[in-house]
Amino acid sequence: MKKPGGSSLLLLGVGTMLTSMVISGALLGYGLDAWLNTRPLFMLILGCLGFVGGMIKVYKMLSRPDASG
C-alpha cells in the first residue's frame, strides 16, 4: 500500500532535480566564460544542456516512480 504523501514528495524531488541541473549547468558555464573570457557563450550552452538533461531526468523519474535513480 502506498503512502498518500508519496506523490507530493516525488513532485518536490522532480522540481528540485530540474532546478539544480539548470543552475549547475549555468554556473559551470559562467565559470568557463570567466576563465576563457567568452561571455555569455558557455553559460547559455551549458544552461540549455542542463535544462535538457533535467527534463530527461524528470521524465525518467515520473515514468517509473517506484524505481530509484
Protein backbone atom coordinates (compact mmCIF):
# COMPACT_ATOMS: atom_id res chain seq x y z
CA MET A 1 0.00 0.00 0.00
CA LYS A 2 1.36 3.40 -0.98
CA LYS A 3 1.55 6.34 1.36
CA PRO A 4 -0.74 9.24 0.39
CA GLY A 5 2.08 11.79 0.63
CA GLY A 6 4.39 9.89 -1.73
CA SER A 7 3.34 11.68 -4.89
CA SER A 8 3.87 15.13 -3.41
CA LEU A 9 7.37 14.16 -2.29
CA LEU A 10 8.08 12.83 -5.78
CA LEU A 11 6.97 16.13 -7.33
CA LEU A 12 9.12 18.06 -4.87
CA GLY A 13 12.10 15.92 -5.86
CA VAL A 14 11.35 16.45 -9.55
CA GLY A 15 11.28 20.23 -9.18
CA THR A 16 14.45 20.23 -7.14
CA MET A 17 16.22 17.98 -9.65
CA LEU A 18 15.28 20.15 -12.64
CA THR A 19 16.23 23.38 -10.91
CA SER A 20 19.55 22.08 -9.64
CA MET A 21 20.60 20.75 -13.05
CA VAL A 22 19.81 24.05 -14.80
CA ILE A 23 21.55 26.14 -12.14
CA SER A 24 24.62 23.91 -12.03
CA GLY A 25 24.94 24.00 -15.83
CA ALA A 26 24.64 27.76 -15.86
CA LEU A 27 27.19 28.15 -13.05
CA LEU A 28 29.68 25.87 -14.78
CA GLY A 29 29.18 27.85 -17.97
CA TYR A 30 29.67 31.10 -16.12
CA GLY A 31 32.94 29.80 -14.70
CA LEU A 32 34.13 28.73 -18.14
CA ASP A 33 33.14 32.09 -19.58
CA ALA A 34 35.05 33.94 -16.88
CA TRP A 35 38.09 31.74 -17.44
CA LEU A 36 38.04 31.95 -21.25
CA ASN A 37 36.60 35.50 -21.48
CA THR A 38 33.76 34.41 -23.81
CA ARG A 39 30.67 35.75 -22.02
CA PRO A 40 27.83 34.50 -22.28
CA LEU A 41 28.52 31.68 -24.74
CA PHE A 42 29.22 28.75 -22.40
CA MET A 43 26.71 29.90 -19.80
CA LEU A 44 23.91 29.69 -22.35
CA ILE A 45 25.10 26.41 -23.85
CA LEU A 46 25.60 24.63 -20.54
CA GLY A 47 22.40 26.12 -19.11
CA CYS A 48 20.46 24.70 -22.05
CA LEU A 49 22.21 21.35 -21.70
CA GLY A 50 21.32 21.36 -18.01
CA PHE A 51 17.69 22.02 -18.92
CA VAL A 52 17.63 19.17 -21.45
CA GLY A 53 19.34 16.81 -19.01
CA GLY A 54 16.94 17.88 -16.28
CA MET A 55 13.94 17.21 -18.49
CA ILE A 56 15.26 13.74 -19.33
CA LYS A 57 15.81 13.02 -15.63
CA VAL A 58 12.31 14.30 -14.78
CA TYR A 59 10.80 12.11 -17.48
CA LYS A 60 12.60 9.06 -16.14
CA MET A 61 11.57 9.85 -12.56
CA LEU A 62 7.91 10.31 -13.49
CA SER A 63 7.63 7.39 -15.89
CA ARG A 64 8.74 4.85 -13.23
CA PRO A 65 8.18 6.42 -9.81
CA ASP A 66 8.83 3.19 -7.90
CA ALA A 67 12.29 2.76 -9.46
CA SER A 68 15.12 4.74 -7.93
CA GLY A 69 17.51 6.97 -9.87
